[in-house]
Amino acid sequence: MTLSIGILTSGGDSPGLNAAIRGVGKACQAHYGMHVVGFRDGFRGLAENRTMALEGEALSGILTLGGTILGTSRDKPHKMPLHGKVLDMTETIVANYRANGLDCLVCLGGGGTQKNALRLMQAGLNVVTLPKTIDNDVALTDTTFGFDTALGIATDAIDRLHSTAHSHHRIIVVEIMGHRAGWLALGAGISGGADVILIPEIPYSVEVVAEAIKARKRKGKPFSIVAVAEGALTREEFAARQAAAARKKDKKVKEPAFEPELVYAERTLHLAQQLEHLTGLEARVTILGHLQRGGTPSAADRLLATRLGTAAADLIQQGRFGVMVAARGESSEAVPLEQVAGQVKTVPPDHPWVDSARGVGTSFGD
């Protein structure tokens, strides 16, 4: 019996998605003779039954392309805006899965996608997922595809900013993506030789950061590069978040998630203004934003996405569903979605990357 497979990409776009689509599709067809169909724009396309054939020419020439040929969205199956309302489209999605004669749905995405895939699994669908995100924060996988490309882009940006920081004796504050985990800012900061790295996992003091910059100035280095993850928090903000989490746990009622008074770009601009005031040096801000998501995927991401994609095809053929295909060294491992969904892989404060950064004199503002 010929198996029919559906593929969708969900959440933020990421380098390597097309390589993963190609890996899944070609392995399913060439090795196992499966029928493969894509759904456009994530779970919304599945709810609206908008399909795209993924056979023959559709999978040719996409290995090197950034983005996703299927399109993506952040829509959730159980909370989907439609016709001016927010509707639970789970039953409709299940019906479309059946109508298309699918034997498995392959979902490519980050943490949110893992949770949504688990919900569909609990609704009776056979699901396999692949870990995608430039943030590298999906639990129980060594790495995610998209991270290596974004790391290279952010590192290149820091490299380029060094010259203007040095020439004008300025502080350059570089905002890097990562609102829950600091892998990208940490890796790019180390690789680019940032003088200060601020990440969500290590709360910082603006005064400590300023003192580190002034210490460099006293040594004849009147410029500094500050690599800051968009979700980095001051000690006060971190304490407020912890208190909000404790209140939510004690009351056992739903409480709005803690949000700092200033968010993302506003906080980065505010940080630069504070550092300028405290150090007497000019400060400039560069926000990399979606540049980090774009462009041609790196060789490492193409390789990883292809490996995980072909491994997904093997699992489908074996009838192993309800799992995420995790990277394990040069191999892969099927991890139950129940163990992945809702978890975030954050940077341990004693991680070797952190130790290495401290070893070369990088300040974390703590």
Protein backbone atom coordinates (compact mmCIF):
# COMPACT_ATOMS: atom_id res chain seq x y z
CA MET A 1 0.00 0.00 0.00
CA THR A 2 1.33 3.44 -0.96
CA LEU A 3 1.63 5.77 2.02
CA SER A 4 0.60 9.43 1.70
CA ILE A 5 2.57 12.08 3.58
CA GLY A 6 1.74 15.72 4.26
CA ILE A 7 4.40 18.35 4.99
CA LEU A 8 4.04 21.86 6.43
CA THR A 9 6.36 24.55 7.74
CA SER A 10 5.22 26.62 10.71
CA GLY A 11 6.42 29.52 12.83
CA GLY A 12 9.16 31.92 11.76
CA ASP A 13 10.96 31.23 8.51
CA SER A 14 14.45 29.82 8.85
CA PRO A 15 17.36 28.87 6.59
CA GLY A 16 17.30 25.15 5.86
CA LEU A 17 13.52 24.68 5.64
CA ASN A 18 13.63 24.00 1.91
CA ALA A 19 16.52 21.59 2.40
CA ALA A 20 14.42 19.73 4.98
CA ILE A 21 11.34 19.67 2.72
CA ARG A 22 13.56 18.27 -0.03
CA GLY A 23 15.12 15.70 2.30
CA VAL A 24 11.77 14.40 3.53
CA GLY A 25 10.11 14.49 0.12
CA LYS A 26 12.88 12.87 -1.92
CA ALA A 27 13.55 10.13 0.63
CA CYS A 28 9.84 9.33 0.99
CA GLN A 29 9.42 9.08 -2.77
CA ALA A 30 12.72 7.61 -3.99
CA HIS A 31 13.25 5.06 -1.22
CA TYR A 32 9.73 4.18 -0.17
CA GLY A 33 7.44 5.14 -3.05
CA MET A 34 5.27 7.37 -0.91
CA HIS A 35 2.97 10.11 -2.17
CA VAL A 36 3.93 13.55 -0.78
CA VAL A 37 1.82 16.71 -0.59
CA GLY A 38 2.63 20.07 0.97
CA PHE A 39 0.28 22.40 2.84
CA ARG A 40 0.72 26.11 2.33
CA ASP A 41 1.29 28.61 5.14
CA GLY A 42 1.57 26.24 8.07
CA PHE A 43 -1.41 24.95 10.03
CA ARG A 44 -3.62 27.56 8.36
CA GLY A 45 -3.12 25.89 5.01
CA LEU A 46 -4.03 22.55 6.53
CA ALA A 47 -7.17 24.04 8.05
CA GLU A 48 -8.10 25.62 4.70
CA ASN A 49 -6.97 22.57 2.71
CA ARG A 50 -4.58 24.55 0.50
CA THR A 51 -2.15 22.06 -0.96
CA MET A 52 0.91 21.97 -3.21
CA ALA A 53 2.24 18.92 -5.02
CA LEU A 54 5.74 18.00 -3.85
CA GLU A 55 6.80 15.63 -6.57
CA GLY A 56 9.33 15.76 -9.39
CA GLU A 57 10.35 19.28 -10.31
CA ALA A 58 8.81 20.81 -7.15
CA LEU A 59 11.73 19.47 -5.10
CA SER A 60 14.45 20.35 -7.60
CA GLY A 61 16.67 23.39 -7.11
CA ILE A 62 15.43 24.25 -3.61
CA LEU A 63 18.33 22.94 -1.52
CA THR A 64 20.15 26.28 -1.60
CA LEU A 65 17.09 28.52 -1.22
CA GLY A 66 16.32 30.41 1.98
CA GLY A 67 12.79 30.67 3.33
CA THR A 68 10.22 28.00 2.51
CA ILE A 69 8.49 27.20 -0.77
CA LEU A 70 5.41 26.21 1.24
CA GLY A 71 5.09 29.52 3.06
CA THR A 72 4.60 29.71 6.81
CA SER A 73 2.49 31.29 9.53
CA ARG A 74 2.30 31.35 13.31
CA ASP A 75 -1.32 30.19 13.40
CA LYS A 76 -2.24 27.59 15.99
CA PRO A 77 -4.76 24.82 15.18
CA HIS A 78 -6.79 25.53 18.32
CA LYS A 79 -6.58 29.35 18.17
CA MET A 80 -6.84 30.44 14.55
CA PRO A 81 -8.12 33.89 13.52
CA LEU A 82 -10.79 33.40 10.85
CA HIS A 83 -13.59 35.69 9.70
CA GLY A 84 -12.99 38.12 12.54
CA LYS A 85 -13.09 35.39 15.18
CA VAL A 86 -10.56 33.12 16.87
CA LEU A 87 -11.66 29.55 16.24
CA ASP A 88 -10.59 26.06 17.23
CA MET A 89 -9.87 24.45 13.85
CA THR A 90 -8.67 21.12 15.20
CA GLU A 91 -11.68 19.14 13.96
CA THR A 92 -11.41 20.74 10.52
CA ILE A 93 -7.71 19.89 10.36
CA VAL A 94 -8.43 16.28 11.31
CA ALA A 95 -11.11 16.13 8.61
CA ASN A 96 -8.72 17.54 5.97
CA TYR A 97 -6.03 15.07 7.04
CA ARG A 98 -8.52 12.24 6.45
CA ALA A 99 -9.86 13.74 3.21
CA ASN A 100 -6.35 13.85 1.76
CA GLY A 101 -5.81 10.23 2.73
CA LEU A 102 -2.74 11.05 4.81
CA ASP A 103 -0.88 8.45 6.79
CA CYS A 104 1.41 10.98 8.48
CA LEU A 105 1.86 14.74 8.83
CA VAL A 106 5.43 16.08 8.98
CA CYS A 107 5.68 19.43 10.77
CA LEU A 108 8.83 21.53 10.45
CA GLY A 109 9.12 24.16 13.15
CA GLY A 110 10.31 25.42 16.51
CA GLY A 111 8.93 25.20 20.02
CA GLY A 112 5.41 26.36 19.15
CA THR A 113 5.20 23.87 16.30
CA GLN A 114 6.18 21.03 18.63
CA LYS A 115 3.28 21.95 20.95
CA ASN A 116 0.81 22.25 18.09
CA ALA A 117 1.95 18.93 16.61
CA LEU A 118 1.42 17.28 20.00
CA ARG A 119 -2.15 18.62 20.09
CA LEU A 120 -2.84 17.11 16.67
CA MET A 121 -1.29 13.83 17.78
CA GLN A 122 -3.63 13.83 20.76
CA ALA A 123 -6.49 14.43 18.31
CA GLY A 124 -5.60 11.20 16.56
CA LEU A 125 -3.17 12.16 13.80
CA ASN A 126 0.14 10.46 13.01
CA VAL A 127 2.75 13.18 13.36
CA VAL A 128 6.53 13.49 12.97
CA THR A 129 8.35 16.80 13.54
CA LEU A 130 11.72 18.32 12.71
CA PRO A 131 13.41 20.98 14.92
CA LYS A 132 13.81 24.31 13.13
CA THR A 133 14.74 27.69 14.62
CA ILE A 134 17.58 30.19 14.43
CA ASP A 135 17.31 30.49 18.24
CA ASN A 136 18.51 26.89 18.84
CA ASP A 137 16.10 26.64 21.78
CA VAL A 138 14.15 23.46 20.93
CA ALA A 139 14.59 20.95 23.75
CA LEU A 140 16.27 17.56 23.50
CA THR A 141 18.13 18.10 20.22
CA ASP A 142 21.81 18.93 19.91
CA THR A 143 21.01 21.73 17.51
CA THR A 144 18.32 23.05 15.17
CA PHE A 145 18.62 23.82 11.49
CA GLY A 146 18.70 27.55 10.83
CA PHE A 147 20.95 28.26 13.80
CA ASP A 148 24.28 27.87 12.00
CA THR A 149 23.30 30.23 9.18
CA ALA A 150 21.99 32.88 11.56
CA LEU A 151 25.11 32.51 13.70
CA GLY A 152 27.27 33.22 10.66
CA ILE A 153 25.21 36.28 9.69
CA ALA A 154 25.31 37.75 13.21
CA THR A 155 29.05 37.08 13.51
CA ASP A 156 29.70 38.77 10.17
CA ALA A 157 27.71 41.80 11.33
CA ILE A 158 29.81 42.10 14.50
CA ASP A 159 32.98 41.75 12.43
CA ARG A 160 31.89 44.64 10.24
CA LEU A 161 30.90 46.83 13.18
CA HIS A 162 34.32 46.54 14.79
CA SER A 163 35.87 48.93 12.29
CA THR A 164 33.39 51.75 12.86
CA ALA A 165 33.45 51.25 16.63
CA HIS A 166 37.25 51.50 16.61
CA SER A 167 37.40 54.43 14.18
CA HIS A 168 34.87 56.60 16.03
CA HIS A 169 35.69 55.48 19.60
CA ARG A 170 32.12 54.37 20.10
CA ILE A 171 30.08 51.78 21.89
CA ILE A 172 28.18 49.70 19.34
CA VAL A 173 25.21 47.82 20.80
CA VAL A 174 24.16 44.97 18.51
CA GLU A 175 20.73 43.47 19.13
CA ILE A 176 20.56 39.79 18.16
CA MET A 177 17.47 37.58 18.07
CA GLY A 178 16.69 35.33 21.01
CA HIS A 179 13.89 36.34 23.37
CA ARG A 180 13.92 33.18 25.50
CA ALA A 181 17.40 31.75 24.98
CA GLY A 182 20.75 33.39 24.33
CA TRP A 183 22.47 30.82 22.11
CA LEU A 184 22.65 33.09 19.08
CA ALA A 185 23.91 36.19 20.90
CA LEU A 186 26.37 34.09 22.89
CA GLY A 187 27.77 32.25 19.89
CA ALA A 188 27.99 35.35 17.71
CA GLY A 189 29.42 37.40 20.56
CA ILE A 190 32.22 34.90 21.13
CA SER A 191 32.88 34.38 17.42
CA GLY A 192 32.84 38.12 16.69
CA GLY A 193 34.93 39.11 19.68
CA ALA A 194 32.25 41.16 21.45
CA ASP A 195 33.45 42.81 24.65
CA VAL A 196 30.11 42.40 26.41
CA ILE A 197 27.49 39.69 25.88
CA LEU A 198 24.04 39.98 27.43
CA ILE A 199 21.68 36.98 27.33
CA PRO A 200 18.33 36.13 28.97
CA GLU A 201 19.84 33.46 31.21
CA ILE A 202 22.28 35.79 32.97
CA PRO A 203 20.63 38.95 34.39
CA TYR A 204 22.86 42.00 34.10
CA SER A 205 23.53 45.32 35.77
CA VAL A 206 23.91 48.34 33.51
CA GLU A 207 26.44 49.74 35.96
CA VAL A 208 28.57 46.58 35.74
CA VAL A 209 28.46 46.73 31.93
CA ALA A 210 29.46 50.40 32.02
CA GLU A 211 32.35 49.67 34.36
CA ALA A 212 33.64 46.96 32.00
CA ILE A 213 33.58 49.47 29.15
CA LYS A 214 35.32 52.13 31.23
CA ALA A 215 37.98 49.61 32.23
CA ARG A 216 38.69 49.03 28.54
CA LYS A 217 38.92 52.79 28.02
CA ARG A 218 41.48 53.09 30.82
CA LYS A 219 43.57 50.47 29.03
CA GLY A 220 43.61 52.54 25.87
CA LYS A 221 40.66 50.85 24.15
CA PRO A 222 38.04 53.62 23.80
CA PHE A 223 35.50 51.47 21.97
CA SER A 224 33.39 48.41 22.79
CA ILE A 225 31.01 45.99 21.11
CA VAL A 226 27.99 44.91 23.17
CA ALA A 227 26.13 41.87 21.79
CA VAL A 228 22.68 41.77 23.41
CA ALA A 229 19.98 39.16 22.94
CA GLU A 230 16.59 40.79 22.46
CA GLY A 231 15.32 38.99 25.58
CA ALA A 232 18.19 39.94 27.89
CA LEU A 233 16.98 41.24 31.26
CA THR A 234 18.42 43.50 33.92
CA ARG A 235 18.62 42.11 37.43
CA GLU A 236 15.49 44.07 38.35
CA GLU A 237 13.54 42.76 35.35
CA PHE A 238 14.69 39.22 36.03
CA ALA A 239 13.55 39.46 39.66
CA ALA A 240 10.17 40.81 38.55
CA ARG A 241 9.75 37.91 36.14
CA GLN A 242 10.61 35.38 38.83
CA ALA A 243 8.13 37.01 41.21
CA ALA A 244 5.38 36.91 38.57
CA ALA A 245 6.06 33.22 37.95
CA ALA A 246 5.90 32.51 41.69
CA ARG A 247 2.58 34.34 42.03
CA LYS A 248 1.15 32.40 39.13
CA LYS A 249 2.25 29.12 40.70
CA ASP A 250 0.97 29.98 44.17
CA LYS A 251 -2.43 31.18 42.97
CA LYS A 252 -2.78 28.31 40.52
CA VAL A 253 -4.65 30.67 38.25
CA LYS A 254 -3.78 32.02 34.85
CA GLU A 255 -1.83 35.25 35.17
CA PRO A 256 -0.50 37.28 32.24
CA ALA A 257 3.09 36.44 31.41
CA PHE A 258 5.63 38.93 32.69
CA GLU A 259 6.64 41.56 30.13
CA PRO A 260 9.34 44.13 30.81
CA GLU A 261 8.20 47.75 30.76
CA LEU A 262 10.28 48.32 27.62
CA VAL A 263 10.36 45.62 24.97
CA TYR A 264 12.99 44.56 22.47
CA ALA A 265 14.17 47.53 20.36
CA GLU A 266 13.04 50.08 22.95
CA ARG A 267 15.03 48.28 25.64
CA THR A 268 18.11 48.08 23.43
CA LEU A 269 17.91 51.80 22.66
CA HIS A 270 17.44 52.53 26.36
CA LEU A 271 20.49 50.41 27.20
CA ALA A 272 22.60 52.35 24.70
CA GLN A 273 21.44 55.67 26.18
CA GLN A 274 22.32 54.49 29.68
CA LEU A 275 25.77 53.31 28.63
CA GLU A 276 26.44 56.60 26.83
CA HIS A 277 25.51 58.51 29.98
CA LEU A 278 27.55 56.29 32.31
CA THR A 279 30.70 56.01 30.20
CA GLY A 280 30.91 59.34 28.36
CA LEU A 281 31.32 57.48 25.07
CA GLU A 282 29.01 57.80 22.08
CA ALA A 283 26.76 54.78 21.70
CA ARG A 284 25.08 53.52 18.54
CA VAL A 285 22.58 50.73 18.07
CA THR A 286 22.38 48.15 15.29
CA ILE A 287 19.33 45.87 15.28
CA LEU A 288 19.93 42.90 12.99
CA GLY A 289 16.30 41.77 13.07
CA HIS A 290 15.11 39.59 10.21
CA LEU A 291 18.44 39.79 8.39
CA GLN A 292 19.38 36.85 10.60
CA ARG A 293 16.63 34.69 9.10
CA GLY A 294 17.32 35.41 5.46
CA GLY A 295 19.54 34.29 2.65
CA THR A 296 21.16 31.07 1.54
CA PRO A 297 21.45 28.38 4.23
CA SER A 298 24.96 27.43 5.27
CA ALA A 299 26.49 24.09 4.29
CA ALA A 300 26.05 22.90 7.89
CA ASP A 301 22.33 23.73 7.88
CA ARG A 302 21.79 22.09 4.49
CA LEU A 303 23.52 18.97 5.75
CA LEU A 304 21.61 18.90 9.05
CA ALA A 305 18.23 19.51 7.43
CA THR A 306 18.86 16.80 4.85
CA ARG A 307 19.99 14.31 7.51
CA LEU A 308 16.95 14.92 9.69
CA GLY A 309 14.60 14.95 6.71
CA THR A 310 15.74 11.57 5.44
CA ALA A 311 15.64 10.18 8.99
CA ALA A 312 12.00 11.31 9.21
CA ALA A 313 11.23 9.28 6.08
CA ASP A 314 12.78 6.19 7.69
CA LEU A 315 10.67 6.66 10.84
CA ILE A 316 7.48 7.03 8.81
CA GLN A 317 8.25 3.83 6.92
CA GLN A 318 8.78 2.08 10.27
CA GLY A 319 5.44 3.38 11.55
CA ARG A 320 7.05 5.40 14.35
CA PHE A 321 4.92 8.48 14.97
CA GLY A 322 4.44 11.08 17.70
CA VAL A 323 8.13 11.92 17.71
CA MET A 324 10.57 14.71 16.88
CA VAL A 325 13.65 13.80 14.87
CA ALA A 326 16.43 15.14 17.10
CA ALA A 327 20.06 15.66 16.10
CA ARG A 328 22.45 13.43 18.06
CA GLY A 329 26.06 13.94 17.05
CA GLU A 330 26.29 12.82 13.44
CA SER A 331 23.16 10.70 13.78
CA SER A 332 19.57 11.29 14.89
CA GLU A 333 17.15 10.08 17.53
CA ALA A 334 13.37 9.89 17.73
CA VAL A 335 12.25 11.78 20.84
CA PRO A 336 8.60 11.55 22.02
CA LEU A 337 6.74 14.80 21.45
CA GLU A 338 5.43 14.71 25.01
CA GLN A 339 9.01 15.22 26.21
CA VAL A 340 9.73 18.10 23.83
CA ALA A 341 6.55 20.18 23.75
CA GLY A 342 6.50 23.10 26.16
CA GLN A 343 10.20 22.82 26.98
CA VAL A 344 12.87 25.40 26.17
CA LYS A 345 16.59 24.68 25.81
CA THR A 346 18.26 27.63 27.52
CA VAL A 347 21.94 28.39 28.02
CA PRO A 348 23.22 26.97 31.33
CA PRO A 349 25.13 29.73 33.18
CA ASP A 350 28.09 27.33 33.48
CA HIS A 351 28.00 26.22 29.84
CA PRO A 352 31.46 25.79 28.23
CA TRP A 353 30.69 28.65 25.82
CA VAL A 354 30.09 30.96 28.78
CA ASP A 355 33.24 29.75 30.51
CA SER A 356 35.26 30.35 27.34
CA ALA A 357 33.88 33.86 26.94
CA ARG A 358 34.72 34.72 30.53
CA GLY A 359 38.16 33.22 29.99
CA VAL A 360 38.97 35.77 27.28
CA GLY A 361 37.70 38.66 29.40
CA THR A 362 34.16 39.04 28.05
CA SER A 363 31.74 40.68 30.47
CA PHE A 364 28.22 39.35 31.00
CA GLY A 365 27.23 42.31 33.13
CA ASP A 366 26.82 40.17 36.23
